[in-house]
PDB file of N, CA and C in Angstrom:
ATOM      1  N   UNK A   1     -16.386  70.044  39.736  1.00  0.00           N
ATOM      2  CA  UNK A   1     -15.218  69.614  39.017  1.00  0.00           C
ATOM      3  C   UNK A   1     -14.316  68.723  39.860  1.00  0.00           C
ATOM      4  N   UNK A   2     -14.381  68.825  41.183  1.00  0.00           N
ATOM      5  CA  UNK A   2     -13.546  68.041  42.071  1.00  0.00           C
ATOM      6  C   UNK A   2     -13.801  66.555  41.910  1.00  0.00           C
ATOM      7  N   UNK A   3     -15.063  66.192  41.686  1.00  0.00           N
ATOM      8  CA  UNK A   3     -15.410  64.783  41.523  1.00  0.00           C
ATOM      9  C   UNK A   3     -14.785  64.235  40.232  1.00  0.00           C
ATOM     10  N   UNK A   4     -14.819  65.018  39.175  1.00  0.00           N
ATOM     11  CA  UNK A   4     -14.240  64.584  37.903  1.00  0.00           C
ATOM     12  C   UNK A   4     -12.727  64.415  38.012  1.00  0.00           C
ATOM     13  N   UNK A   5     -12.100  65.306  38.762  1.00  0.00           N
ATOM     14  CA  UNK A   5     -10.652  65.185  38.953  1.00  0.00           C
ATOM     15  C   UNK A   5     -10.301  63.919  39.732  1.00  0.00           C
ATOM     16  N   UNK A   6     -11.101  63.624  40.764  1.00  0.00           N
ATOM     17  CA  UNK A   6     -10.866  62.419  41.566  1.00  0.00           C
ATOM     18  C   UNK A   6     -11.069  61.175  40.707  1.00  0.00           C
ATOM     19  N   UNK A   7     -12.149  61.153  39.909  1.00  0.00           N
ATOM     20  CA  UNK A   7     -12.420  60.019  39.029  1.00  0.00           C
ATOM     21  C   UNK A   7     -11.304  59.881  37.992  1.00  0.00           C
ATOM     22  N   UNK A   8     -10.872  60.973  37.441  1.00  0.00           N
ATOM     23  CA  UNK A   8      -9.794  60.966  36.454  1.00  0.00           C
ATOM     24  C   UNK A   8      -8.498  60.441  37.074  1.00  0.00           C
ATOM     25  N   UNK A   9      -8.194  60.892  38.290  1.00  0.00           N
ATOM     26  CA  UNK A   9      -6.980  60.461  38.975  1.00  0.00           C
ATOM     27  C   UNK A   9      -7.032  58.961  39.275  1.00  0.00           C
ATOM     28  N   UNK A  10      -8.181  58.484  39.745  1.00  0.00           N
ATOM     29  CA  UNK A  10      -8.338  57.057  40.074  1.00  0.00           C
ATOM     30  C   UNK A  10      -8.266  56.205  38.800  1.00  0.00           C
ATOM     31  N   UNK A  11      -8.859  56.674  37.717  1.00  0.00           N
ATOM     32  CA  UNK A  11      -8.811  55.902  36.475  1.00  0.00           C
ATOM     33  C   UNK A  11      -7.392  55.868  35.918  1.00  0.00           C
ATOM     34  N   UNK A  12      -6.648  56.955  36.094  1.00  0.00           N
ATOM     35  CA  UNK A  12      -5.250  56.959  35.669  1.00  0.00           C
ATOM     36  C   UNK A  12      -4.425  55.969  36.482  1.00  0.00           C
ATOM     37  N   UNK A  13      -4.685  55.917  37.807  1.00  0.00           N
ATOM     38  CA  UNK A  13      -3.985  54.950  38.661  1.00  0.00           C
ATOM     39  C   UNK A  13      -4.337  53.523  38.245  1.00  0.00           C
ATOM     40  N   UNK A  14      -5.615  53.275  37.966  1.00  0.00           N
ATOM     41  CA  UNK A  14      -6.053  51.937  37.543  1.00  0.00           C
ATOM     42  C   UNK A  14      -5.400  51.568  36.216  1.00  0.00           C
ATOM     43  N   UNK A  15      -5.346  52.526  35.312  1.00  0.00           N
ATOM     44  CA  UNK A  15      -4.723  52.288  34.015  1.00  0.00           C
ATOM     45  C   UNK A  15      -3.234  51.965  34.181  1.00  0.00           C
ATOM     46  N   UNK A  16      -2.553  52.725  35.029  1.00  0.00           N
ATOM     47  CA  UNK A  16      -1.128  52.486  35.276  1.00  0.00           C
ATOM     48  C   UNK A  16      -0.897  51.115  35.909  1.00  0.00           C
ATOM     49  N   UNK A  17      -1.770  50.763  36.857  1.00  0.00           N
ATOM     50  CA  UNK A  17      -1.646  49.447  37.494  1.00  0.00           C
ATOM     51  C   UNK A  17      -1.870  48.336  36.477  1.00  0.00           C
ATOM     52  N   UNK A  18      -2.863  48.483  35.622  1.00  0.00           N
ATOM     53  CA  UNK A  18      -3.136  47.491  34.583  1.00  0.00           C
ATOM     54  C   UNK A  18      -1.981  47.371  33.609  1.00  0.00           C
ATOM     55  N   UNK A  19      -1.423  48.516  33.219  1.00  0.00           N
ATOM     56  CA  UNK A  19      -0.292  48.519  32.297  1.00  0.00           C
ATOM     57  C   UNK A  19       0.916  47.837  32.932  1.00  0.00           C
ATOM     58  N   UNK A  20       1.147  48.099  34.194  1.00  0.00           N
ATOM     59  CA  UNK A  20       2.257  47.475  34.907  1.00  0.00           C
ATOM     60  C   UNK A  20       2.050  45.960  34.986  1.00  0.00           C
ATOM     61  N   UNK A  21       0.817  45.548  35.237  1.00  0.00           N
ATOM     62  CA  UNK A  21       0.508  44.121  35.315  1.00  0.00           C
ATOM     63  C   UNK A  21       0.760  43.431  33.974  1.00  0.00           C
ATOM     64  N   UNK A  22       0.344  44.051  32.886  1.00  0.00           N
ATOM     65  CA  UNK A  22       0.540  43.477  31.559  1.00  0.00           C
ATOM     66  C   UNK A  22       2.028  43.344  31.245  1.00  0.00           C
ATOM     67  N   UNK A  23       2.815  44.380  31.551  1.00  0.00           N
ATOM     68  CA  UNK A  23       4.261  44.330  31.295  1.00  0.00           C
ATOM     69  C   UNK A  23       4.922  43.232  32.124  1.00  0.00           C
ATOM     70  N   UNK A  24       4.529  43.131  33.391  1.00  0.00           N
ATOM     71  CA  UNK A  24       5.096  42.105  34.257  1.00  0.00           C
ATOM     72  C   UNK A  24       4.721  40.714  33.762  1.00  0.00           C
ATOM     73  N   UNK A  25       3.482  40.556  33.336  1.00  0.00           N
ATOM     74  CA  UNK A  25       3.042  39.262  32.806  1.00  0.00           C
ATOM     75  C   UNK A  25       3.809  38.905  31.537  1.00  0.00           C
ATOM     76  N   UNK A  26       4.033  39.870  30.666  1.00  0.00           N
ATOM     77  CA  UNK A  26       4.800  39.616  29.445  1.00  0.00           C
ATOM     78  C   UNK A  26       6.211  39.165  29.781  1.00  0.00           C
ATOM     79  N   UNK A  27       6.846  39.826  30.722  1.00  0.00           N
ATOM     80  CA  UNK A  27       8.202  39.452  31.109  1.00  0.00           C
ATOM     81  C   UNK A  27       8.232  38.048  31.705  1.00  0.00           C
ATOM     82  N   UNK A  28       7.220  37.737  32.520  1.00  0.00           N
ATOM     83  CA  UNK A  28       7.149  36.410  33.122  1.00  0.00           C
ATOM     84  C   UNK A  28       7.019  35.338  32.045  1.00  0.00           C
ATOM     85  N   UNK A  29       6.134  35.537  31.093  1.00  0.00           N
ATOM     86  CA  UNK A  29       5.931  34.530  30.050  1.00  0.00           C
ATOM     87  C   UNK A  29       7.128  34.425  29.114  1.00  0.00           C
ATOM     88  N   UNK A  30       7.835  35.520  28.905  1.00  0.00           N
ATOM     89  CA  UNK A  30       9.071  35.433  28.122  1.00  0.00           C
ATOM     90  C   UNK A  30      10.098  34.577  28.852  1.00  0.00           C
ATOM     91  N   UNK A  31      10.233  34.801  30.160  1.00  0.00           N
ATOM     92  CA  UNK A  31      11.176  34.008  30.946  1.00  0.00           C
ATOM     93  C   UNK A  31      10.755  32.535  30.998  1.00  0.00           C
ATOM     94  N   UNK A  32       9.464  32.302  31.136  1.00  0.00           N
ATOM     95  CA  UNK A  32       8.959  30.927  31.181  1.00  0.00           C
ATOM     96  C   UNK A  32       9.217  30.227  29.844  1.00  0.00           C
ATOM     97  N   UNK A  33       8.978  30.926  28.741  1.00  0.00           N
ATOM     98  CA  UNK A  33       9.238  30.347  27.417  1.00  0.00           C
ATOM     99  C   UNK A  33      10.723  30.063  27.245  1.00  0.00           C
ATOM    100  N   UNK A  34      11.582  30.988  27.687  1.00  0.00           N
ATOM    101  CA  UNK A  34      13.021  30.773  27.611  1.00  0.00           C
ATOM    102  C   UNK A  34      13.426  29.557  28.435  1.00  0.00           C
ATOM    103  N   UNK A  35      12.861  29.431  29.621  1.00  0.00           N
ATOM    104  CA  UNK A  35      13.181  28.295  30.480  1.00  0.00           C
ATOM    105  C   UNK A  35      12.796  26.986  29.793  1.00  0.00           C
ATOM    106  N   UNK A  36      11.609  26.934  29.218  1.00  0.00           N
ATOM    107  CA  UNK A  36      11.157  25.717  28.558  1.00  0.00           C
ATOM    108  C   UNK A  36      12.024  25.397  27.330  1.00  0.00           C
ATOM    109  N   UNK A  37      12.370  26.413  26.556  1.00  0.00           N
ATOM    110  CA  UNK A  37      13.227  26.192  25.390  1.00  0.00           C
ATOM    111  C   UNK A  37      14.619  25.723  25.808  1.00  0.00           C
ATOM    112  N   UNK A  38      15.144  26.306  26.862  1.00  0.00           N
ATOM    113  CA  UNK A  38      16.469  25.907  27.346  1.00  0.00           C
ATOM    114  C   UNK A  38      16.449  24.463  27.835  1.00  0.00           C
ATOM    115  N   UNK A  39      15.407  24.095  28.562  1.00  0.00           N
ATOM    116  CA  UNK A  39      15.293  22.713  29.028  1.00  0.00           C
ATOM    117  C   UNK A  39      15.166  21.751  27.859  1.00  0.00           C
ATOM    118  N   UNK A  40      14.358  22.117  26.871  1.00  0.00           N
ATOM    119  CA  UNK A  40      14.166  21.248  25.711  1.00  0.00           C
ATOM    120  C   UNK A  40      15.463  21.093  24.932  1.00  0.00           C
ATOM    121  N   UNK A  41      16.173  22.198  24.709  1.00  0.00           N
ATOM    122  CA  UNK A  41      17.434  22.131  23.984  1.00  0.00           C
ATOM    123  C   UNK A  41      18.463  21.316  24.754  1.00  0.00           C
ATOM    124  N   UNK A  42      18.498  21.506  26.060  1.00  0.00           N
ATOM    125  CA  UNK A  42      19.426  20.757  26.898  1.00  0.00           C
ATOM    126  C   UNK A  42      19.110  19.258  26.834  1.00  0.00           C
ATOM    127  N   UNK A  43      17.828  18.929  26.914  1.00  0.00           N
ATOM    128  CA  UNK A  43      17.420  17.528  26.855  1.00  0.00           C
ATOM    129  C   UNK A  43      17.774  16.917  25.501  1.00  0.00           C
ATOM    130  N   UNK A  44      17.516  17.637  24.429  1.00  0.00           N
ATOM    131  CA  UNK A  44      17.832  17.122  23.101  1.00  0.00           C
ATOM    132  C   UNK A  44      19.341  16.971  22.900  1.00  0.00           C
ATOM    133  N   UNK A  45      20.109  17.913  23.428  1.00  0.00           N
ATOM    134  CA  UNK A  45      21.569  17.819  23.312  1.00  0.00           C
ATOM    135  C   UNK A  45      22.093  16.600  24.067  1.00  0.00           C
ATOM    136  N   UNK A  46      21.620  16.434  25.297  1.00  0.00           N
ATOM    137  CA  UNK A  46      22.051  15.270  26.072  1.00  0.00           C
ATOM    138  C   UNK A  46      21.612  13.979  25.394  1.00  0.00           C
ATOM    139  N   UNK A  47      20.395  13.973  24.859  1.00  0.00           N
ATOM    140  CA  UNK A  47      19.888  12.788  24.176  1.00  0.00           C
ATOM    141  C   UNK A  47      20.745  12.454  22.956  1.00  0.00           C
ATOM    142  N   UNK A  48      21.124  13.468  22.196  1.00  0.00           N
ATOM    143  CA  UNK A  48      21.949  13.237  21.008  1.00  0.00           C
ATOM    144  C   UNK A  48      23.325  12.695  21.385  1.00  0.00           C
ATOM    145  N   UNK A  49      23.953  13.278  22.394  1.00  0.00           N
ATOM    146  CA  UNK A  49      25.294  12.850  22.790  1.00  0.00           C
ATOM    147  C   UNK A  49      25.264  11.456  23.408  1.00  0.00           C
ATOM    148  N   UNK A  50      24.411  11.290  24.419  1.00  0.00           N
ATOM    149  CA  UNK A  50      24.357  10.000  25.112  1.00  0.00           C
ATOM    150  C   UNK A  50      23.798   8.921  24.193  1.00  0.00           C
ATOM    151  N   UNK A  51      22.755   9.268  23.438  1.00  0.00           N
ATOM    152  CA  UNK A  51      22.166   8.296  22.521  1.00  0.00           C
ATOM    153  C   UNK A  51      23.130   7.880  21.429  1.00  0.00           C
ATOM    154  N   UNK A  52      23.890   8.836  20.901  1.00  0.00           N
ATOM    155  CA  UNK A  52      24.870   8.506  19.871  1.00  0.00           C
ATOM    156  C   UNK A  52      25.950   7.572  20.386  1.00  0.00           C
ATOM    157  N   UNK A  53      26.468   7.878  21.561  1.00  0.00           N
ATOM    158  CA  UNK A  53      27.499   7.012  22.144  1.00  0.00           C
ATOM    159  C   UNK A  53      26.942   5.635  22.500  1.00  0.00           C
ATOM    160  N   UNK A  54      25.726   5.616  23.011  1.00  0.00           N
ATOM    161  CA  UNK A  54      25.085   4.348  23.341  1.00  0.00           C
ATOM    162  C   UNK A  54      24.849   3.523  22.076  1.00  0.00           C
ATOM    163  N   UNK A  55      24.448   4.196  21.004  1.00  0.00           N
ATOM    164  CA  UNK A  55      24.225   3.508  19.734  1.00  0.00           C
ATOM    165  C   UNK A  55      25.522   2.921  19.190  1.00  0.00           C
ATOM    166  N   UNK A  56      26.608   3.686  19.249  1.00  0.00           N
ATOM    167  CA  UNK A  56      27.906   3.159  18.818  1.00  0.00           C
ATOM    168  C   UNK A  56      28.324   1.954  19.656  1.00  0.00           C
ATOM    169  N   UNK A  57      28.106   2.055  20.959  1.00  0.00           N
ATOM    170  CA  UNK A  57      28.419   0.929  21.836  1.00  0.00           C
ATOM    171  C   UNK A  57      27.592  -0.299  21.503  1.00  0.00           C
ATOM    172  N   UNK A  58      26.324  -0.089  21.196  1.00  0.00           N
ATOM    173  CA  UNK A  58      25.454  -1.200  20.833  1.00  0.00           C
ATOM    174  C   UNK A  58      25.904  -1.853  19.522  1.00  0.00           C
ATOM    175  N   UNK A  59      26.340  -1.046  18.580  1.00  0.00           N
ATOM    176  CA  UNK A  59      26.838  -1.593  17.305  1.00  0.00           C
ATOM    177  C   UNK A  59      28.068  -2.463  17.552  1.00  0.00           C
ATOM    178  N   UNK A  60      29.044  -1.936  18.321  1.00  0.00           N
ATOM    179  CA  UNK A  60      30.245  -2.718  18.597  1.00  0.00           C
ATOM    180  C   UNK A  60      29.922  -3.975  19.403  1.00  0.00           C
ATOM    181  N   UNK A  61      29.019  -3.861  20.343  1.00  0.00           N
ATOM    182  CA  UNK A  61      28.626  -5.030  21.138  1.00  0.00           C
ATOM    183  C   UNK A  61      27.949  -6.075  20.266  1.00  0.00           C
ATOM    184  N   UNK A  62      27.104  -5.648  19.349  1.00  0.00           N
ATOM    185  CA  UNK A  62      26.416  -6.576  18.456  1.00  0.00           C
ATOM    186  C   UNK A  62      27.398  -7.275  17.519  1.00  0.00           C
ATOM    187  N   UNK A  63      28.322  -6.511  16.950  1.00  0.00           N
ATOM    188  CA  UNK A  63      29.304  -7.102  16.033  1.00  0.00           C
ATOM    189  C   UNK A  63      30.201  -8.085  16.780  1.00  0.00           C
ATOM    190  N   UNK A  64      30.685  -7.670  17.948  1.00  0.00           N
ATOM    191  CA  UNK A  64      31.555  -8.584  18.706  1.00  0.00           C
ATOM    192  C   UNK A  64      30.785  -9.809  19.177  1.00  0.00           C
ATOM    193  N   UNK A  65      29.524  -9.626  19.548  1.00  0.00           N
ATOM    194  CA  UNK A  65      28.689 -10.774  19.934  1.00  0.00           C
ATOM    195  C   UNK A  65      28.464 -11.719  18.775  1.00  0.00           C
ATOM    196  N   UNK A  66      28.264 -11.172  17.584  1.00  0.00           N
ATOM    197  CA  UNK A  66      28.074 -12.018  16.411  1.00  0.00           C
ATOM    198  C   UNK A  66      29.354 -12.787  16.077  1.00  0.00           C
ATOM    199  N   UNK A  67      30.509 -12.121  16.195  1.00  0.00           N
ATOM    200  CA  UNK A  67      31.785 -12.805  15.940  1.00  0.00           C
ATOM    201  C   UNK A  67      31.996 -13.924  16.954  1.00  0.00           C
ATOM    202  N   UNK A  68      31.765 -13.625  18.212  1.00  0.00           N
ATOM    203  CA  UNK A  68      31.928 -14.623  19.275  1.00  0.00           C
ATOM    204  C   UNK A  68      30.968 -15.785  19.077  1.00  0.00           C
ATOM    205  N   UNK A  69      29.711 -15.487  18.788  1.00  0.00           N
ATOM    206  CA  UNK A  69      28.717 -16.536  18.572  1.00  0.00           C
ATOM    207  C   UNK A  69      29.061 -17.353  17.328  1.00  0.00           C
ATOM    208  N   UNK A  70      29.592 -16.678  16.301  1.00  0.00           N
ATOM    209  CA  UNK A  70      30.013 -17.394  15.099  1.00  0.00           C
ATOM    210  C   UNK A  70      31.130 -18.382  15.370  1.00  0.00           C
ATOM    211  N   UNK A  71      32.052 -18.034  16.250  1.00  0.00           N
ATOM    212  CA  UNK A  71      33.142 -18.947  16.607  1.00  0.00           C
ATOM    213  C   UNK A  71      32.610 -20.146  17.389  1.00  0.00           C
ATOM    214  N   UNK A  72      31.603 -19.885  18.218  1.00  0.00           N
ATOM    215  CA  UNK A  72      31.055 -20.974  19.036  1.00  0.00           C
ATOM    216  C   UNK A  72      30.260 -21.954  18.173  1.00  0.00           C
ATOM    217  N   UNK A  73      29.376 -21.444  17.308  1.00  0.00           N
ATOM    218  CA  UNK A  73      28.532 -22.344  16.526  1.00  0.00           C
ATOM    219  C   UNK A  73      29.147 -22.716  15.190  1.00  0.00           C
ATOM    220  N   UNK A  74      30.212 -22.061  14.814  1.00  0.00           N
ATOM    221  CA  UNK A  74      30.921 -22.415  13.592  1.00  0.00           C
ATOM    222  C   UNK A  74      30.356 -21.796  12.327  1.00  0.00           C
ATOM    223  N   UNK A  75      29.444 -20.841  12.435  1.00  0.00           N
ATOM    224  CA  UNK A  75      28.883 -20.216  11.244  1.00  0.00           C
ATOM    225  C   UNK A  75      28.658 -18.726  11.520  1.00  0.00           C
ATOM    226  N   UNK A  76      29.391 -17.890  10.805  1.00  0.00           N
ATOM    227  CA  UNK A  76      29.257 -16.447  11.007  1.00  0.00           C
ATOM    228  C   UNK A  76      27.902 -15.952  10.519  1.00  0.00           C
ATOM    229  N   UNK A  77      27.411 -16.525   9.432  1.00  0.00           N
ATOM    230  CA  UNK A  77      26.116 -16.097   8.881  1.00  0.00           C
ATOM    231  C   UNK A  77      24.986 -16.423   9.854  1.00  0.00           C
ATOM    232  N   UNK A  78      25.013 -17.603  10.437  1.00  0.00           N
ATOM    233  CA  UNK A  78      23.980 -17.982  11.397  1.00  0.00           C
ATOM    234  C   UNK A  78      24.064 -17.110  12.649  1.00  0.00           C
ATOM    235  N   UNK A  79      25.266 -16.780  13.071  1.00  0.00           N
ATOM    236  CA  UNK A  79      25.442 -15.920  14.239  1.00  0.00           C
ATOM    237  C   UNK A  79      24.861 -14.534  13.971  1.00  0.00           C
ATOM    238  N   UNK A  80      25.107 -13.988  12.778  1.00  0.00           N
ATOM    239  CA  UNK A  80      24.537 -12.681  12.430  1.00  0.00           C
ATOM    240  C   UNK A  80      23.022 -12.751  12.379  1.00  0.00           C
ATOM    241  N   UNK A  81      22.484 -13.841  11.881  1.00  0.00           N
ATOM    242  CA  UNK A  81      21.039 -14.028  11.829  1.00  0.00           C
ATOM    243  C   UNK A  81      20.437 -14.091  13.234  1.00  0.00           C
ATOM    244  N   UNK A  82      21.097 -14.778  14.119  1.00  0.00           N
ATOM    245  CA  UNK A  82      20.619 -14.866  15.506  1.00  0.00           C
ATOM    246  C   UNK A  82      20.651 -13.487  16.172  1.00  0.00           C
ATOM    247  N   UNK A  83      21.739 -12.743  15.963  1.00  0.00           N
ATOM    248  CA  UNK A  83      21.843 -11.398  16.546  1.00  0.00           C
ATOM    249  C   UNK A  83      20.763 -10.473  15.985  1.00  0.00           C
ATOM    250  N   UNK A  84      20.540 -10.537  14.679  1.00  0.00           N
ATOM    251  CA  UNK A  84      19.515  -9.693  14.061  1.00  0.00           C
ATOM    252  C   UNK A  84      18.137 -10.052  14.589  1.00  0.00           C
ATOM    253  N   UNK A  85      17.866 -11.332  14.728  1.00  0.00           N
ATOM    254  CA  UNK A  85      16.570 -11.768  15.260  1.00  0.00           C
ATOM    255  C   UNK A  85      16.383 -11.272  16.685  1.00  0.00           C
ATOM    256  N   UNK A  86      17.430 -11.339  17.479  1.00  0.00           N
ATOM    257  CA  UNK A  86      17.357 -10.842  18.857  1.00  0.00           C
ATOM    258  C   UNK A  86      17.044  -9.351  18.886  1.00  0.00           C
ATOM    259  N   UNK A  87      17.703  -8.591  18.026  1.00  0.00           N
ATOM    260  CA  UNK A  87      17.430  -7.155  17.963  1.00  0.00           C
ATOM    261  C   UNK A  87      16.008  -6.874  17.492  1.00  0.00           C
ATOM    262  N   UNK A  88      15.511  -7.645  16.541  1.00  0.00           N
ATOM    263  CA  UNK A  88      14.134  -7.471  16.087  1.00  0.00           C
ATOM    264  C   UNK A  88      13.129  -7.804  17.189  1.00  0.00           C
ATOM    265  N   UNK A  89      13.432  -8.799  18.003  1.00  0.00           N
ATOM    266  CA  UNK A  89      12.549  -9.134  19.132  1.00  0.00           C
ATOM    267  C   UNK A  89      12.507  -7.974  20.126  1.00  0.00           C
ATOM    268  N   UNK A  90      13.680  -7.411  20.448  1.00  0.00           N
ATOM    269  CA  UNK A  90      13.715  -6.259  21.361  1.00  0.00           C
ATOM    270  C   UNK A  90      12.963  -5.070  20.771  1.00  0.00           C
ATOM    271  N   UNK A  91      13.093  -4.876  19.458  1.00  0.00           N
ATOM    272  CA  UNK A  91      12.370  -3.791  18.790  1.00  0.00           C
ATOM    273  C   UNK A  91      10.865  -4.027  18.872  1.00  0.00           C
ATOM    274  N   UNK A  92      10.442  -5.263  18.677  1.00  0.00           N
ATOM    275  CA  UNK A  92       9.019  -5.597  18.784  1.00  0.00           C
ATOM    276  C   UNK A  92       8.469  -5.350  20.176  1.00  0.00           C
ATOM    277  N   UNK A  93       9.246  -5.703  21.185  1.00  0.00           N
ATOM    278  CA  UNK A  93       8.826  -5.449  22.565  1.00  0.00           C
ATOM    279  C   UNK A  93       8.686  -3.957  22.816  1.00  0.00           C
ATOM    280  N   UNK A  94       9.665  -3.191  22.347  1.00  0.00           N
ATOM    281  CA  UNK A  94       9.597  -1.729  22.515  1.00  0.00           C
ATOM    282  C   UNK A  94       8.385  -1.166  21.783  1.00  0.00           C
ATOM    283  N   UNK A  95       8.061  -1.719  20.622  1.00  0.00           N
ATOM    284  CA  UNK A  95       6.894  -1.259  19.870  1.00  0.00           C
ATOM    285  C   UNK A  95       5.603  -1.567  20.628  1.00  0.00           C
ATOM    286  N   UNK A  96       5.548  -2.723  21.265  1.00  0.00           N
ATOM    287  CA  UNK A  96       4.342  -3.107  22.002  1.00  0.00           C
ATOM    288  C   UNK A  96       4.113  -2.247  23.246  1.00  0.00           C
ATOM    289  N   UNK A  97       5.184  -1.768  23.855  1.00  0.00           N
ATOM    290  CA  UNK A  97       5.027  -0.946  25.066  1.00  0.00           C
ATOM    291  C   UNK A  97       5.196   0.541  24.774  1.00  0.00           C
ATOM    292  N   UNK A  98       5.064   0.932  23.505  1.00  0.00           N
ATOM    293  CA  UNK A  98       5.282   2.334  23.115  1.00  0.00           C
ATOM    294  C   UNK A  98       4.310   3.288  23.795  1.00  0.00           C
ATOM    295  N   UNK A  99       3.072   2.861  24.039  1.00  0.00           N
ATOM    296  CA  UNK A  99       2.098   3.751  24.679  1.00  0.00           C
ATOM    297  C   UNK A  99       2.472   4.019  26.135  1.00  0.00           C
ATOM    298  N   UNK A 100       2.994   3.015  26.817  1.00  0.00           N
ATOM    299  CA  UNK A 100       3.452   3.219  28.187  1.00  0.00           C
ATOM    300  C   UNK A 100       4.647   4.165  28.214  1.00  0.00           C
ATOM    301  N   UNK A 101       5.515   4.039  27.235  1.00  0.00           N
ATOM    302  CA  UNK A 101       6.669   4.941  27.141  1.00  0.00           C
ATOM    303  C   UNK A 101       6.175   6.369  26.917  1.00  0.00           C
ATOM    304  N   UNK A 102       5.202   6.542  26.014  1.00  0.00           N
ATOM    305  CA  UNK A 102       4.630   7.871  25.761  1.00  0.00           C
ATOM    306  C   UNK A 102       4.017   8.461  27.027  1.00  0.00           C
ATOM    307  N   UNK A 103       3.266   7.653  27.758  1.00  0.00           N
ATOM    308  CA  UNK A 103       2.620   8.138  28.989  1.00  0.00           C
ATOM    309  C   UNK A 103       3.655   8.609  30.005  1.00  0.00           C
ATOM    310  N   UNK A 104       4.718   7.825  30.161  1.00  0.00           N
ATOM    311  CA  UNK A 104       5.765   8.212  31.117  1.00  0.00           C
ATOM    312  C   UNK A 104       6.446   9.511  30.706  1.00  0.00           C
ATOM    313  N   UNK A 105       6.709   9.661  29.420  1.00  0.00           N
ATOM    314  CA  UNK A 105       7.350  10.886  28.936  1.00  0.00           C
ATOM    315  C   UNK A 105       6.421  12.084  29.140  1.00  0.00           C
ATOM    316  N   UNK A 106       5.147  11.920  28.821  1.00  0.00           N
ATOM    317  CA  UNK A 106       4.180  13.014  28.977  1.00  0.00           C
ATOM    318  C   UNK A 106       4.046  13.407  30.442  1.00  0.00           C
ATOM    319  N   UNK A 107       3.991  12.430  31.340  1.00  0.00           N
ATOM    320  CA  UNK A 107       3.900  12.735  32.776  1.00  0.00           C
ATOM    321  C   UNK A 107       5.107  13.535  33.241  1.00  0.00           C
ATOM    322  N   UNK A 108       6.280  13.087  32.832  1.00  0.00           N
ATOM    323  CA  UNK A 108       7.503  13.766  33.264  1.00  0.00           C
ATOM    324  C   UNK A 108       7.576  15.180  32.698  1.00  0.00           C
ATOM    325  N   UNK A 109       7.253  15.332  31.419  1.00  0.00           N
ATOM    326  CA  UNK A 109       7.332  16.650  30.807  1.00  0.00           C
ATOM    327  C   UNK A 109       6.244  17.584  31.327  1.00  0.00           C
ATOM    328  N   UNK A 110       5.068  17.054  31.645  1.00  0.00           N
ATOM    329  CA  UNK A 110       4.007  17.936  32.142  1.00  0.00           C
ATOM    330  C   UNK A 110       4.362  18.487  33.512  1.00  0.00           C
ATOM    331  N   UNK A 111       5.064  17.720  34.329  1.00  0.00           N
ATOM    332  CA  UNK A 111       5.500  18.239  35.620  1.00  0.00           C
ATOM    333  C   UNK A 111       6.457  19.408  35.433  1.00  0.00           C
ATOM    334  N   UNK A 112       7.379  19.279  34.491  1.00  0.00           N
ATOM    335  CA  UNK A 112       8.332  20.355  34.232  1.00  0.00           C
ATOM    336  C   UNK A 112       7.652  21.552  33.592  1.00  0.00           C
ATOM    337  N   UNK A 113       6.741  21.292  32.660  1.00  0.00           N
ATOM    338  CA  UNK A 113       6.132  22.372  31.883  1.00  0.00           C
ATOM    339  C   UNK A 113       5.161  23.195  32.725  1.00  0.00           C
ATOM    340  N   UNK A 114       4.370  22.533  33.564  1.00  0.00           N
ATOM    341  CA  UNK A 114       3.324  23.246  34.294  1.00  0.00           C
ATOM    342  C   UNK A 114       3.754  23.710  35.681  1.00  0.00           C
ATOM    343  N   UNK A 115       5.028  23.594  35.993  1.00  0.00           N
ATOM    344  CA  UNK A 115       5.525  24.123  37.277  1.00  0.00           C
ATOM    345  C   UNK A 115       5.794  25.589  37.173  1.00  0.00           C
TER     346      UNK A 115
END
């Protein structure tokens, strides 16, 4: 019977160690998930605030540029057309390099995610 008691005791220790490992792993992954969610929320919040202010600034800059250009060339409609064309050109350039932008974002996020 001594052998069975020793085997039983060792299996209980192994079971306890395994249970402890599972609990610790669960806590680690909960913390890791919280960290990733917090970083994502923080990034989105900063993006919304900074992006919104930047967008407002771009609108005012575009309108003032169109007014200024209209005074120089003598036609407000032509100035607005020139400004719109310029913005469309910048949009086209951004569209053409969208894959490079995606790659850079993925590289940066993978470093944060897999650390």
